[in-house]
Amino acid sequence: MDNAAQNPWALFESIPEMVVVVDLGGEILYSNAHSQDLLGWAPSELVGQPIEVLVPPSLHDMHRTHRKTYNHSPKARPMGSGLLLRALHRDGREVPVEIALSPLEGEIAATVATLRDVTERLETSAQLLEARTRLEVLDDRDRIARELHDSVIQRLFAAGLHLQASTDRPDTTERVSAVVDEIDDAIREIRGVIFTLQRPSHLDSGLAEALRSSVNEASRVLGHRPTLKVAGILSTVPEELSTELLTVLREALMNVAKHARATRTEVSVEVGTDSVTLVVADDGVGLASNLGQSGGLGLRNITERAALLGGQATFSLRNPVGTEVRWTVPRLIATEL
């Protein structure tokens, strides 16, 4: 009883969030110790100051209006009532908070405000939204790829068969053959688009299985099955880096299919202590014209992905023929993505 008489706010000391008591004129009568943790103010520094010291300057007028309205008809307002509010830290930055209000009746007419920092919650929500958006984009890419495969390729293939059946007439043979060749080229191009649109598969089963799957899928656009060699422990490659590695592999294989006219393609992945290296080599000629800084979009994508991860990509001619794409990045860069 004596302690309550000396400190009528003692009950608020045990609350695990910041609590301030404000009179009807807006003067701070009390603050618990959590004001130091949340907004950088010691309780003794706040007592006697106007509540606006904790409100961003741009919101002062609005806050005074709301305070007068609340004092006219006070009622409890719980946290999480749909209001995203901001409090002013002593160092001048704004802190996103939830605020619960409760009128205090008795000898002193005042309002008890409880403040909770929601910075981490907002950051988590933003990360979840970004992840959801990325998944939606990937789902859209898979849907487009499926539709291209199930509809467009089948229709083109059927059209090619019909045209081939018409080549018996001498006057149309050459023209129809040219159209059939165009359709075949279109089918190969669409298969290449499908290959690059689809997300790397089987990553849930591990990087080794995903690499084998990507190599097998590439055989449809290359016309031959690439060889695959692996050195090092693939399980030590973080998932984020594995996804980047598979994306670059598919990009490099697609470039071979589009430009190299290769009959053999070799893929190797080496996991070292500090780095991961992907090499895609072919025996064709197509990439040679794209070497250098003015290379095609695929090569630029490969180079930019390496740079963003703190690594590098090189493109060189092989002896006697062919091109080699070498992509090397730090093994542990994914921990910072």
C-alpha atoms as a PDB file:
ATOM      1  CA  MET A   1       0.000   0.000   0.000  1.00  0.00           C
ATOM      2  CA  ASP A   2       2.823   2.411   0.844  1.00  0.00           C
ATOM      3  CA  ASN A   3       4.543   1.624  -2.480  1.00  0.00           C
ATOM      4  CA  ALA A   4       1.306   2.272  -4.383  1.00  0.00           C
ATOM      5  CA  ALA A   5       0.866   5.561  -2.596  1.00  0.00           C
ATOM      6  CA  GLN A   6       4.397   6.630  -3.476  1.00  0.00           C
ATOM      7  CA  ASN A   7       4.205   5.391  -7.066  1.00  0.00           C
ATOM      8  CA  PRO A   8       0.655   5.011  -8.420  1.00  0.00           C
ATOM      9  CA  TRP A   9       2.093   3.703 -11.714  1.00  0.00           C
ATOM     10  CA  ALA A  10       4.041   0.796 -10.165  1.00  0.00           C
ATOM     11  CA  LEU A  11       1.686  -1.693 -11.828  1.00  0.00           C
ATOM     12  CA  PHE A  12       2.981  -0.648 -15.255  1.00  0.00           C
ATOM     13  CA  GLU A  13       6.593  -1.474 -14.408  1.00  0.00           C
ATOM     14  CA  SER A  14       6.068  -5.200 -15.029  1.00  0.00           C
ATOM     15  CA  ILE A  15       4.481  -4.783 -18.481  1.00  0.00           C
ATOM     16  CA  PRO A  16       6.953  -6.014 -21.135  1.00  0.00           C
ATOM     17  CA  GLU A  17       6.225  -3.125 -23.522  1.00  0.00           C
ATOM     18  CA  MET A  18       6.605   0.626 -23.403  1.00  0.00           C
ATOM     19  CA  VAL A  19       3.878   2.355 -21.386  1.00  0.00           C
ATOM     20  CA  VAL A  20       3.287   6.091 -21.081  1.00  0.00           C
ATOM     21  CA  VAL A  21       0.569   7.870 -19.103  1.00  0.00           C
ATOM     22  CA  VAL A  22      -0.573  11.187 -20.573  1.00  0.00           C
ATOM     23  CA  ASP A  23      -2.956  13.711 -19.024  1.00  0.00           C
ATOM     24  CA  LEU A  24      -5.745  15.436 -20.934  1.00  0.00           C
ATOM     25  CA  GLY A  25      -3.455  18.309 -21.853  1.00  0.00           C
ATOM     26  CA  GLY A  26      -0.948  16.025 -23.493  1.00  0.00           C
ATOM     27  CA  GLU A  27       1.699  16.095 -20.742  1.00  0.00           C
ATOM     28  CA  ILE A  28       3.565  12.876 -19.999  1.00  0.00           C
ATOM     29  CA  LEU A  29       2.989  11.880 -16.364  1.00  0.00           C
ATOM     30  CA  TYR A  30       4.802   8.558 -16.430  1.00  0.00           C
ATOM     31  CA  SER A  31       6.851   6.209 -18.604  1.00  0.00           C
ATOM     32  CA  ASN A  32       8.184   2.775 -17.790  1.00  0.00           C
ATOM     33  CA  ALA A  33      11.749   1.647 -18.430  1.00  0.00           C
ATOM     34  CA  HIS A  34      10.992   0.224 -21.889  1.00  0.00           C
ATOM     35  CA  SER A  35      10.925   3.764 -23.292  1.00  0.00           C
ATOM     36  CA  GLN A  36      14.741   3.557 -23.292  1.00  0.00           C
ATOM     37  CA  ASP A  37      14.718   0.345 -25.368  1.00  0.00           C
ATOM     38  CA  LEU A  38      12.082   1.426 -27.862  1.00  0.00           C
ATOM     39  CA  LEU A  39      12.602   5.159 -28.359  1.00  0.00           C
ATOM     40  CA  GLY A  40      15.887   5.981 -26.626  1.00  0.00           C
ATOM     41  CA  TRP A  41      14.386   8.054 -23.797  1.00  0.00           C
ATOM     42  CA  ALA A  42      14.937   7.404 -20.102  1.00  0.00           C
ATOM     43  CA  PRO A  43      11.639   7.594 -18.158  1.00  0.00           C
ATOM     44  CA  SER A  44      12.843  10.561 -16.094  1.00  0.00           C
ATOM     45  CA  GLU A  45      13.569  12.500 -19.294  1.00  0.00           C
ATOM     46  CA  LEU A  46      10.033  12.073 -20.593  1.00  0.00           C
ATOM     47  CA  VAL A  47       8.048  13.028 -17.515  1.00  0.00           C
ATOM     48  CA  GLY A  48       6.769  16.582 -17.856  1.00  0.00           C
ATOM     49  CA  GLN A  49       7.298  16.764 -21.621  1.00  0.00           C
ATOM     50  CA  PRO A  50       4.445  17.023 -24.161  1.00  0.00           C
ATOM     51  CA  ILE A  51       3.520  13.745 -25.791  1.00  0.00           C
ATOM     52  CA  GLU A  52       4.406  15.284 -29.149  1.00  0.00           C
ATOM     53  CA  VAL A  53       8.074  14.687 -28.302  1.00  0.00           C
ATOM     54  CA  LEU A  54       7.354  11.069 -29.273  1.00  0.00           C
ATOM     55  CA  VAL A  55       5.425  11.969 -32.442  1.00  0.00           C
ATOM     56  CA  PRO A  56       7.019  12.749 -35.844  1.00  0.00           C
ATOM     57  CA  PRO A  57       6.788  16.520 -36.496  1.00  0.00           C
ATOM     58  CA  SER A  58       4.746  16.018 -39.653  1.00  0.00           C
ATOM     59  CA  LEU A  59       2.030  14.368 -37.553  1.00  0.00           C
ATOM     60  CA  HIS A  60       1.846  16.898 -34.684  1.00  0.00           C
ATOM     61  CA  ASP A  61      -1.280  18.728 -35.847  1.00  0.00           C
ATOM     62  CA  MET A  62      -3.099  15.509 -36.689  1.00  0.00           C
ATOM     63  CA  HIS A  63      -2.101  13.997 -33.364  1.00  0.00           C
ATOM     64  CA  ARG A  64      -3.412  16.959 -31.364  1.00  0.00           C
ATOM     65  CA  THR A  65      -6.740  16.730 -33.186  1.00  0.00           C
ATOM     66  CA  HIS A  66      -6.997  12.998 -32.537  1.00  0.00           C
ATOM     67  CA  ARG A  67      -6.063  13.470 -28.884  1.00  0.00           C
ATOM     68  CA  LYS A  68      -8.808  16.031 -28.349  1.00  0.00           C
ATOM     69  CA  THR A  69     -11.348  13.775 -30.045  1.00  0.00           C
ATOM     70  CA  TYR A  70     -10.266  10.831 -27.913  1.00  0.00           C
ATOM     71  CA  ASN A  71     -10.440  12.861 -24.678  1.00  0.00           C
ATOM     72  CA  HIS A  72     -13.977  13.877 -25.575  1.00  0.00           C
ATOM     73  CA  SER A  73     -15.084  10.257 -25.816  1.00  0.00           C
ATOM     74  CA  PRO A  74     -12.388   7.984 -24.397  1.00  0.00           C
ATOM     75  CA  LYS A  75     -12.600   4.236 -24.886  1.00  0.00           C
ATOM     76  CA  ALA A  76     -10.188   1.316 -24.969  1.00  0.00           C
ATOM     77  CA  ARG A  77      -8.503   0.700 -28.313  1.00  0.00           C
ATOM     78  CA  PRO A  78      -6.560  -2.556 -28.586  1.00  0.00           C
ATOM     79  CA  MET A  79      -3.376  -3.069 -30.566  1.00  0.00           C
ATOM     80  CA  GLY A  80      -3.583  -4.308 -34.102  1.00  0.00           C
ATOM     81  CA  SER A  81      -6.725  -2.310 -34.857  1.00  0.00           C
ATOM     82  CA  GLY A  82      -5.691  -1.681 -38.444  1.00  0.00           C
ATOM     83  CA  LEU A  83      -3.591   1.414 -37.801  1.00  0.00           C
ATOM     84  CA  LEU A  84       0.056   1.528 -38.862  1.00  0.00           C
ATOM     85  CA  LEU A  85       1.485   4.231 -36.606  1.00  0.00           C
ATOM     86  CA  ARG A  86       4.913   5.792 -36.199  1.00  0.00           C
ATOM     87  CA  ALA A  87       6.738   6.981 -33.121  1.00  0.00           C
ATOM     88  CA  LEU A  88       9.740   9.315 -33.068  1.00  0.00           C
ATOM     89  CA  HIS A  89      12.988   7.939 -31.681  1.00  0.00           C
ATOM     90  CA  ARG A  90      15.258  10.282 -29.764  1.00  0.00           C
ATOM     91  CA  ASP A  91      17.821  10.080 -32.584  1.00  0.00           C
ATOM     92  CA  GLY A  92      15.254  11.383 -35.082  1.00  0.00           C
ATOM     93  CA  ARG A  93      14.320   8.194 -36.906  1.00  0.00           C
ATOM     94  CA  GLU A  94      10.758   6.971 -37.100  1.00  0.00           C
ATOM     95  CA  VAL A  95       9.804   3.611 -35.593  1.00  0.00           C
ATOM     96  CA  PRO A  96       6.739   1.680 -36.802  1.00  0.00           C
ATOM     97  CA  VAL A  97       4.578   0.839 -33.795  1.00  0.00           C
ATOM     98  CA  GLU A  98       1.230  -0.471 -32.705  1.00  0.00           C
ATOM     99  CA  ILE A  99      -0.415   1.530 -29.922  1.00  0.00           C
ATOM    100  CA  ALA A 100      -3.115   0.447 -27.505  1.00  0.00           C
ATOM    101  CA  LEU A 101      -5.054   3.176 -25.679  1.00  0.00           C
ATOM    102  CA  SER A 102      -6.996   2.909 -22.449  1.00  0.00           C
ATOM    103  CA  PRO A 103      -8.663   5.715 -20.460  1.00  0.00           C
ATOM    104  CA  LEU A 104      -7.569   5.996 -16.839  1.00  0.00           C
ATOM    105  CA  GLU A 105     -10.310   7.032 -14.414  1.00  0.00           C
ATOM    106  CA  GLY A 106      -9.958   8.160 -10.833  1.00  0.00           C
ATOM    107  CA  GLU A 107      -8.296  11.093  -9.154  1.00  0.00           C
ATOM    108  CA  ILE A 108      -6.256  11.736 -12.314  1.00  0.00           C
ATOM    109  CA  ALA A 109      -7.945  11.823 -15.723  1.00  0.00           C
ATOM    110  CA  ALA A 110      -5.403  10.434 -18.146  1.00  0.00           C
ATOM    111  CA  THR A 111      -4.784   8.004 -20.968  1.00  0.00           C
ATOM    112  CA  VAL A 112      -2.533   4.962 -20.798  1.00  0.00           C
ATOM    113  CA  ALA A 113      -0.746   4.249 -24.079  1.00  0.00           C
ATOM    114  CA  THR A 114       1.090   0.967 -24.669  1.00  0.00           C
ATOM    115  CA  LEU A 115       3.557   0.913 -27.585  1.00  0.00           C
ATOM    116  CA  ARG A 116       4.920  -2.137 -29.400  1.00  0.00           C
ATOM    117  CA  ASP A 117       7.712  -2.079 -31.996  1.00  0.00           C
ATOM    118  CA  VAL A 118       6.561  -3.864 -35.181  1.00  0.00           C
ATOM    119  CA  THR A 119       9.716  -3.348 -37.278  1.00  0.00           C
ATOM    120  CA  GLU A 120      10.601  -7.045 -37.404  1.00  0.00           C
ATOM    121  CA  ARG A 121       7.023  -8.005 -38.220  1.00  0.00           C
ATOM    122  CA  LEU A 122       6.919  -5.582 -41.156  1.00  0.00           C
ATOM    123  CA  GLU A 123      10.284  -6.825 -42.434  1.00  0.00           C
ATOM    124  CA  THR A 124       9.078 -10.427 -42.222  1.00  0.00           C
ATOM    125  CA  SER A 125       5.859  -9.534 -44.030  1.00  0.00           C
ATOM    126  CA  ALA A 126       7.847  -7.805 -46.768  1.00  0.00           C
ATOM    127  CA  GLN A 127      10.083 -10.862 -47.171  1.00  0.00           C
ATOM    128  CA  LEU A 128       7.057 -13.161 -47.350  1.00  0.00           C
ATOM    129  CA  LEU A 129       5.427 -10.899 -49.938  1.00  0.00           C
ATOM    130  CA  GLU A 130       8.606 -10.900 -52.023  1.00  0.00           C
ATOM    131  CA  ALA A 131       8.847 -14.683 -51.793  1.00  0.00           C
ATOM    132  CA  ARG A 132       5.177 -15.063 -52.736  1.00  0.00           C
ATOM    133  CA  THR A 133       5.656 -12.744 -55.708  1.00  0.00           C
ATOM    134  CA  ARG A 134       8.681 -14.717 -56.899  1.00  0.00           C
ATOM    135  CA  LEU A 135       6.720 -17.964 -56.629  1.00  0.00           C
ATOM    136  CA  GLU A 136       3.845 -16.456 -58.601  1.00  0.00           C
ATOM    137  CA  VAL A 137       6.286 -15.384 -61.322  1.00  0.00           C
ATOM    138  CA  LEU A 138       7.790 -18.877 -61.426  1.00  0.00           C
ATOM    139  CA  ASP A 139       4.322 -20.430 -61.565  1.00  0.00           C
ATOM    140  CA  ASP A 140       3.413 -18.122 -64.460  1.00  0.00           C
ATOM    141  CA  ARG A 141       6.603 -19.106 -66.293  1.00  0.00           C
ATOM    142  CA  ASP A 142       5.820 -22.796 -65.806  1.00  0.00           C
ATOM    143  CA  ARG A 143       2.237 -22.265 -66.985  1.00  0.00           C
ATOM    144  CA  ILE A 144       3.391 -20.452 -70.143  1.00  0.00           C
ATOM    145  CA  ALA A 145       5.922 -23.190 -70.828  1.00  0.00           C
ATOM    146  CA  ARG A 146       3.280 -25.900 -70.423  1.00  0.00           C
ATOM    147  CA  GLU A 147       0.860 -24.078 -72.721  1.00  0.00           C
ATOM    148  CA  LEU A 148       3.562 -23.622 -75.369  1.00  0.00           C
ATOM    149  CA  HIS A 149       4.441 -27.287 -75.157  1.00  0.00           C
ATOM    150  CA  ASP A 150       0.890 -28.644 -75.066  1.00  0.00           C
ATOM    151  CA  SER A 151      -0.656 -26.347 -77.653  1.00  0.00           C
ATOM    152  CA  VAL A 152       1.690 -24.432 -79.936  1.00  0.00           C
ATOM    153  CA  ILE A 153       4.248 -27.172 -80.612  1.00  0.00           C
ATOM    154  CA  GLN A 154       1.545 -29.761 -81.302  1.00  0.00           C
ATOM    155  CA  ARG A 155      -0.223 -27.463 -83.755  1.00  0.00           C
ATOM    156  CA  LEU A 156       3.015 -26.627 -85.564  1.00  0.00           C
ATOM    157  CA  PHE A 157       3.954 -30.293 -85.730  1.00  0.00           C
ATOM    158  CA  ALA A 158       0.544 -31.201 -87.158  1.00  0.00           C
ATOM    159  CA  ALA A 159       0.826 -28.402 -89.728  1.00  0.00           C
ATOM    160  CA  GLY A 160       4.239 -29.715 -90.775  1.00  0.00           C
ATOM    161  CA  LEU A 161       2.824 -33.207 -91.288  1.00  0.00           C
ATOM    162  CA  HIS A 162       0.020 -31.864 -93.465  1.00  0.00           C
ATOM    163  CA  LEU A 163       2.493 -29.901 -95.572  1.00  0.00           C
ATOM    164  CA  GLN A 164       4.758 -32.904 -95.974  1.00  0.00           C
ATOM    165  CA  ALA A 165       1.786 -34.887 -97.257  1.00  0.00           C
ATOM    166  CA  SER A 166       1.365 -32.265-100.007  1.00  0.00           C
ATOM    167  CA  THR A 167       4.865 -32.586-101.445  1.00  0.00           C
ATOM    168  CA  ASP A 168       3.818 -35.130-104.093  1.00  0.00           C
ATOM    169  CA  ARG A 169       2.892 -32.326-106.504  1.00  0.00           C
ATOM    170  CA  PRO A 170       6.018 -31.225-108.436  1.00  0.00           C
ATOM    171  CA  ASP A 171       5.042 -27.569-108.536  1.00  0.00           C
ATOM    172  CA  THR A 172       4.713 -27.304-104.766  1.00  0.00           C
ATOM    173  CA  THR A 173       7.515 -29.564-103.512  1.00  0.00           C
ATOM    174  CA  GLU A 174      10.180 -26.890-103.160  1.00  0.00           C
ATOM    175  CA  ARG A 175       7.836 -24.319-101.632  1.00  0.00           C
ATOM    176  CA  VAL A 176       6.291 -26.777 -99.170  1.00  0.00           C
ATOM    177  CA  SER A 177       9.718 -28.103 -98.144  1.00  0.00           C
ATOM    178  CA  ALA A 178      10.818 -24.560 -97.313  1.00  0.00           C
ATOM    179  CA  VAL A 179       7.719 -24.042 -95.163  1.00  0.00           C
ATOM    180  CA  VAL A 180       8.323 -27.349 -93.375  1.00  0.00           C
ATOM    181  CA  ASP A 181      11.887 -26.241 -92.619  1.00  0.00           C
ATOM    182  CA  GLU A 182      10.548 -22.975 -91.189  1.00  0.00           C
ATOM    183  CA  ILE A 183       8.114 -24.887 -88.989  1.00  0.00           C
ATOM    184  CA  ASP A 184      10.909 -27.171 -87.757  1.00  0.00           C
ATOM    185  CA  ASP A 185      12.981 -24.113 -86.881  1.00  0.00           C
ATOM    186  CA  ALA A 186      10.003 -22.609 -85.048  1.00  0.00           C
ATOM    187  CA  ILE A 187       9.507 -25.813 -83.062  1.00  0.00           C
ATOM    188  CA  ARG A 188      13.180 -25.830 -82.034  1.00  0.00           C
ATOM    189  CA  GLU A 189      12.943 -22.163 -81.046  1.00  0.00           C
ATOM    190  CA  ILE A 190       9.832 -22.729 -78.944  1.00  0.00           C
ATOM    191  CA  ARG A 191      11.416 -25.737 -77.261  1.00  0.00           C
ATOM    192  CA  GLY A 192      14.323 -23.479 -76.384  1.00  0.00           C
ATOM    193  CA  VAL A 193      11.946 -20.896 -74.899  1.00  0.00           C
ATOM    194  CA  ILE A 194      10.262 -23.627 -72.859  1.00  0.00           C
ATOM    195  CA  PHE A 195      13.639 -24.850 -71.624  1.00  0.00           C
ATOM    196  CA  THR A 196      14.644 -21.396 -70.373  1.00  0.00           C
ATOM    197  CA  LEU A 197      11.209 -20.541 -68.954  1.00  0.00           C
ATOM    198  CA  GLN A 198      10.830 -23.605 -66.783  1.00  0.00           C
ATOM    199  CA  ARG A 199      12.352 -23.429 -63.337  1.00  0.00           C
ATOM    200  CA  PRO A 200      15.181 -25.878 -62.601  1.00  0.00           C
ATOM    201  CA  SER A 201      13.521 -29.127 -61.570  1.00  0.00           C
ATOM    202  CA  HIS A 202      14.305 -31.679 -58.882  1.00  0.00           C
ATOM    203  CA  LEU A 203      16.205 -29.221 -56.652  1.00  0.00           C
ATOM    204  CA  ASP A 204      14.269 -30.668 -53.709  1.00  0.00           C
ATOM    205  CA  SER A 205      16.056 -33.946 -54.439  1.00  0.00           C
ATOM    206  CA  GLY A 206      19.457 -32.285 -54.319  1.00  0.00           C
ATOM    207  CA  LEU A 207      21.768 -30.440 -56.679  1.00  0.00           C
ATOM    208  CA  ALA A 208      23.138 -33.627 -58.264  1.00  0.00           C
ATOM    209  CA  GLU A 209      19.678 -34.763 -59.384  1.00  0.00           C
ATOM    210  CA  ALA A 210      18.813 -31.253 -60.598  1.00  0.00           C
ATOM    211  CA  LEU A 211      21.989 -31.126 -62.711  1.00  0.00           C
ATOM    212  CA  ARG A 212      21.232 -34.507 -64.292  1.00  0.00           C
ATOM    213  CA  SER A 213      17.652 -33.424 -64.965  1.00  0.00           C
ATOM    214  CA  SER A 214      18.731 -30.154 -66.605  1.00  0.00           C
ATOM    215  CA  VAL A 215      21.249 -31.981 -68.802  1.00  0.00           C
ATOM    216  CA  ASN A 216      18.624 -34.539 -69.861  1.00  0.00           C
ATOM    217  CA  GLU A 217      16.076 -31.812 -70.643  1.00  0.00           C
ATOM    218  CA  ALA A 218      18.650 -29.933 -72.706  1.00  0.00           C
ATOM    219  CA  SER A 219      19.084 -32.881 -75.047  1.00  0.00           C
ATOM    220  CA  ARG A 220      15.752 -32.022 -76.694  1.00  0.00           C
ATOM    221  CA  VAL A 221      16.951 -28.591 -77.764  1.00  0.00           C
ATOM    222  CA  LEU A 222      20.566 -29.587 -78.476  1.00  0.00           C
ATOM    223  CA  GLY A 223      19.902 -32.707 -80.512  1.00  0.00           C
ATOM    224  CA  HIS A 224      22.407 -34.621 -78.390  1.00  0.00           C
ATOM    225  CA  ARG A 225      22.839 -35.422 -74.707  1.00  0.00           C
ATOM    226  CA  PRO A 226      25.551 -33.395 -72.931  1.00  0.00           C
ATOM    227  CA  THR A 227      28.048 -35.204 -70.736  1.00  0.00           C
ATOM    228  CA  LEU A 228      28.190 -34.278 -67.051  1.00  0.00           C
ATOM    229  CA  LYS A 229      31.200 -34.419 -64.713  1.00  0.00           C
ATOM    230  CA  VAL A 230      31.109 -33.417 -61.054  1.00  0.00           C
ATOM    231  CA  ALA A 231      33.985 -32.823 -58.646  1.00  0.00           C
ATOM    232  CA  GLY A 232      33.602 -31.967 -54.977  1.00  0.00           C
ATOM    233  CA  ILE A 233      30.711 -32.294 -52.543  1.00  0.00           C
ATOM    234  CA  LEU A 234      27.543 -30.870 -54.098  1.00  0.00           C
ATOM    235  CA  SER A 235      25.630 -31.019 -50.806  1.00  0.00           C
ATOM    236  CA  THR A 236      27.808 -28.200 -49.431  1.00  0.00           C
ATOM    237  CA  VAL A 237      26.457 -25.745 -52.022  1.00  0.00           C
ATOM    238  CA  PRO A 238      23.720 -23.570 -50.436  1.00  0.00           C
ATOM    239  CA  GLU A 239      20.265 -23.755 -51.998  1.00  0.00           C
ATOM    240  CA  GLU A 240      20.261 -20.132 -53.205  1.00  0.00           C
ATOM    241  CA  LEU A 241      23.551 -20.667 -55.031  1.00  0.00           C
ATOM    242  CA  SER A 242      22.328 -23.987 -56.429  1.00  0.00           C
ATOM    243  CA  THR A 243      19.377 -22.183 -58.002  1.00  0.00           C
ATOM    244  CA  GLU A 244      21.686 -19.602 -59.591  1.00  0.00           C
ATOM    245  CA  LEU A 245      24.013 -22.340 -60.842  1.00  0.00           C
ATOM    246  CA  LEU A 246      21.162 -24.221 -62.515  1.00  0.00           C
ATOM    247  CA  THR A 247      19.811 -21.043 -64.094  1.00  0.00           C
ATOM    248  CA  VAL A 248      23.219 -20.216 -65.585  1.00  0.00           C
ATOM    249  CA  LEU A 249      23.625 -23.814 -66.791  1.00  0.00           C
ATOM    250  CA  ARG A 250      20.311 -23.672 -68.647  1.00  0.00           C
ATOM    251  CA  GLU A 251      21.210 -20.267 -70.115  1.00  0.00           C
ATOM    252  CA  ALA A 252      24.570 -21.573 -71.339  1.00  0.00           C
ATOM    253  CA  LEU A 253      23.053 -24.735 -72.835  1.00  0.00           C
ATOM    254  CA  MET A 254      20.397 -22.666 -74.578  1.00  0.00           C
ATOM    255  CA  ASN A 255      23.124 -20.513 -76.129  1.00  0.00           C
ATOM    256  CA  VAL A 256      24.805 -23.637 -77.447  1.00  0.00           C
ATOM    257  CA  ALA A 257      21.520 -24.817 -78.937  1.00  0.00           C
ATOM    258  CA  LYS A 258      20.803 -21.462 -80.589  1.00  0.00           C
ATOM    259  CA  HIS A 259      24.224 -20.537 -81.929  1.00  0.00           C
ATOM    260  CA  ALA A 260      26.827 -23.292 -81.801  1.00  0.00           C
ATOM    261  CA  ARG A 261      25.503 -26.001 -84.142  1.00  0.00           C
ATOM    262  CA  ALA A 262      27.418 -28.377 -81.884  1.00  0.00           C
ATOM    263  CA  THR A 263      27.448 -32.166 -81.956  1.00  0.00           C
ATOM    264  CA  ARG A 264      28.988 -32.530 -78.493  1.00  0.00           C
ATOM    265  CA  THR A 265      28.565 -30.544 -75.272  1.00  0.00           C
ATOM    266  CA  GLU A 266      30.405 -31.114 -71.999  1.00  0.00           C
ATOM    267  CA  VAL A 267      29.192 -29.838 -68.628  1.00  0.00           C
ATOM    268  CA  SER A 268      31.355 -29.905 -65.518  1.00  0.00           C
ATOM    269  CA  VAL A 269      30.768 -28.610 -62.000  1.00  0.00           C
ATOM    270  CA  GLU A 270      33.566 -28.306 -59.463  1.00  0.00           C
ATOM    271  CA  VAL A 271      32.867 -27.482 -55.812  1.00  0.00           C
ATOM    272  CA  GLY A 272      36.003 -26.193 -54.142  1.00  0.00           C
ATOM    273  CA  THR A 273      36.721 -24.950 -50.654  1.00  0.00           C
ATOM    274  CA  ASP A 274      35.980 -21.339 -51.505  1.00  0.00           C
ATOM    275  CA  SER A 275      34.307 -21.384 -54.905  1.00  0.00           C
ATOM    276  CA  VAL A 276      31.981 -23.183 -57.283  1.00  0.00           C
ATOM    277  CA  THR A 277      32.876 -23.417 -60.979  1.00  0.00           C
ATOM    278  CA  LEU A 278      30.578 -24.341 -63.841  1.00  0.00           C
ATOM    279  CA  VAL A 279      32.047 -25.063 -67.282  1.00  0.00           C
ATOM    280  CA  VAL A 280      29.977 -25.597 -70.431  1.00  0.00           C
ATOM    281  CA  ALA A 281      32.073 -26.497 -73.497  1.00  0.00           C
ATOM    282  CA  ASP A 282      30.976 -27.409 -77.019  1.00  0.00           C
ATOM    283  CA  ASP A 283      32.516 -28.368 -80.357  1.00  0.00           C
ATOM    284  CA  GLY A 284      30.469 -25.921 -82.418  1.00  0.00           C
ATOM    285  CA  VAL A 285      31.049 -22.484 -83.919  1.00  0.00           C
ATOM    286  CA  GLY A 286      28.013 -20.385 -83.008  1.00  0.00           C
ATOM    287  CA  LEU A 287      29.192 -18.653 -79.855  1.00  0.00           C
ATOM    288  CA  ALA A 288      32.417 -17.415 -81.368  1.00  0.00           C
ATOM    289  CA  SER A 289      30.705 -14.419 -82.954  1.00  0.00           C
ATOM    290  CA  ASN A 290      29.177 -13.486 -79.612  1.00  0.00           C
ATOM    291  CA  LEU A 291      32.368 -13.429 -77.580  1.00  0.00           C
ATOM    292  CA  GLY A 292      33.366 -10.180 -75.871  1.00  0.00           C
ATOM    293  CA  GLN A 293      31.510  -7.398 -74.122  1.00  0.00           C
ATOM    294  CA  SER A 294      29.152  -6.948 -77.049  1.00  0.00           C
ATOM    295  CA  GLY A 295      27.973 -10.547 -76.787  1.00  0.00           C
ATOM    296  CA  GLY A 296      24.382 -11.712 -76.949  1.00  0.00           C
ATOM    297  CA  LEU A 297      21.749 -11.383 -74.248  1.00  0.00           C
ATOM    298  CA  GLY A 298      22.423 -14.887 -72.898  1.00  0.00           C
ATOM    299  CA  LEU A 299      26.129 -14.210 -72.383  1.00  0.00           C
ATOM    300  CA  ARG A 300      25.388 -10.868 -70.740  1.00  0.00           C
ATOM    301  CA  ASN A 301      22.959 -12.566 -68.353  1.00  0.00           C
ATOM    302  CA  ILE A 302      25.619 -15.117 -67.402  1.00  0.00           C
ATOM    303  CA  THR A 303      28.201 -12.371 -66.849  1.00  0.00           C
ATOM    304  CA  GLU A 304      25.853 -10.229 -64.768  1.00  0.00           C
ATOM    305  CA  ARG A 305      24.794 -13.149 -62.560  1.00  0.00           C
ATOM    306  CA  ALA A 306      28.433 -13.916 -61.813  1.00  0.00           C
ATOM    307  CA  ALA A 307      29.212 -10.279 -60.992  1.00  0.00           C
ATOM    308  CA  LEU A 308      26.222  -9.965 -58.651  1.00  0.00           C
ATOM    309  CA  LEU A 309      27.506 -12.959 -56.688  1.00  0.00           C
ATOM    310  CA  GLY A 310      31.052 -11.624 -56.490  1.00  0.00           C
ATOM    311  CA  GLY A 311      32.416 -13.954 -59.165  1.00  0.00           C
ATOM    312  CA  GLN A 312      33.223 -13.815 -62.869  1.00  0.00           C
ATOM    313  CA  ALA A 313      32.351 -15.420 -66.179  1.00  0.00           C
ATOM    314  CA  THR A 314      34.764 -15.973 -69.079  1.00  0.00           C
ATOM    315  CA  PHE A 315      34.129 -17.057 -72.675  1.00  0.00           C
ATOM    316  CA  SER A 316      36.922 -18.527 -74.768  1.00  0.00           C
ATOM    317  CA  LEU A 317      37.479 -20.433 -78.013  1.00  0.00           C
ATOM    318  CA  ARG A 318      38.561 -24.070 -77.794  1.00  0.00           C
ATOM    319  CA  ASN A 319      41.212 -25.747 -79.897  1.00  0.00           C
ATOM    320  CA  PRO A 320      40.546 -26.877 -82.586  1.00  0.00           C
ATOM    321  CA  VAL A 321      36.861 -25.852 -82.516  1.00  0.00           C
ATOM    322  CA  GLY A 322      34.181 -24.842 -80.070  1.00  0.00           C
ATOM    323  CA  THR A 323      33.573 -22.472 -77.196  1.00  0.00           C
ATOM    324  CA  GLU A 324      34.005 -22.724 -73.443  1.00  0.00           C
ATOM    325  CA  VAL A 325      31.896 -20.839 -70.891  1.00  0.00           C
ATOM    326  CA  ARG A 326      33.459 -20.762 -67.414  1.00  0.00           C
ATOM    327  CA  TRP A 327      31.390 -19.381 -64.515  1.00  0.00           C
ATOM    328  CA  THR A 328      33.041 -19.114 -61.082  1.00  0.00           C
ATOM    329  CA  VAL A 329      31.487 -17.658 -57.899  1.00  0.00           C
ATOM    330  CA  PRO A 330      32.251 -17.821 -54.145  1.00  0.00           C
ATOM    331  CA  ARG A 331      30.748 -20.936 -52.574  1.00  0.00           C
ATOM    332  CA  LEU A 332      29.346 -19.176 -49.515  1.00  0.00           C
ATOM    333  CA  ILE A 333      28.017 -16.040 -51.222  1.00  0.00           C
ATOM    334  CA  ALA A 334      24.456 -17.346 -50.810  1.00  0.00           C
ATOM    335  CA  THR A 335      24.538 -16.662 -47.052  1.00  0.00           C
ATOM    336  CA  GLU A 336      24.435 -12.949 -47.875  1.00  0.00           C
ATOM    337  CA  LEU A 337      21.657 -13.016 -50.513  1.00  0.00           C
END
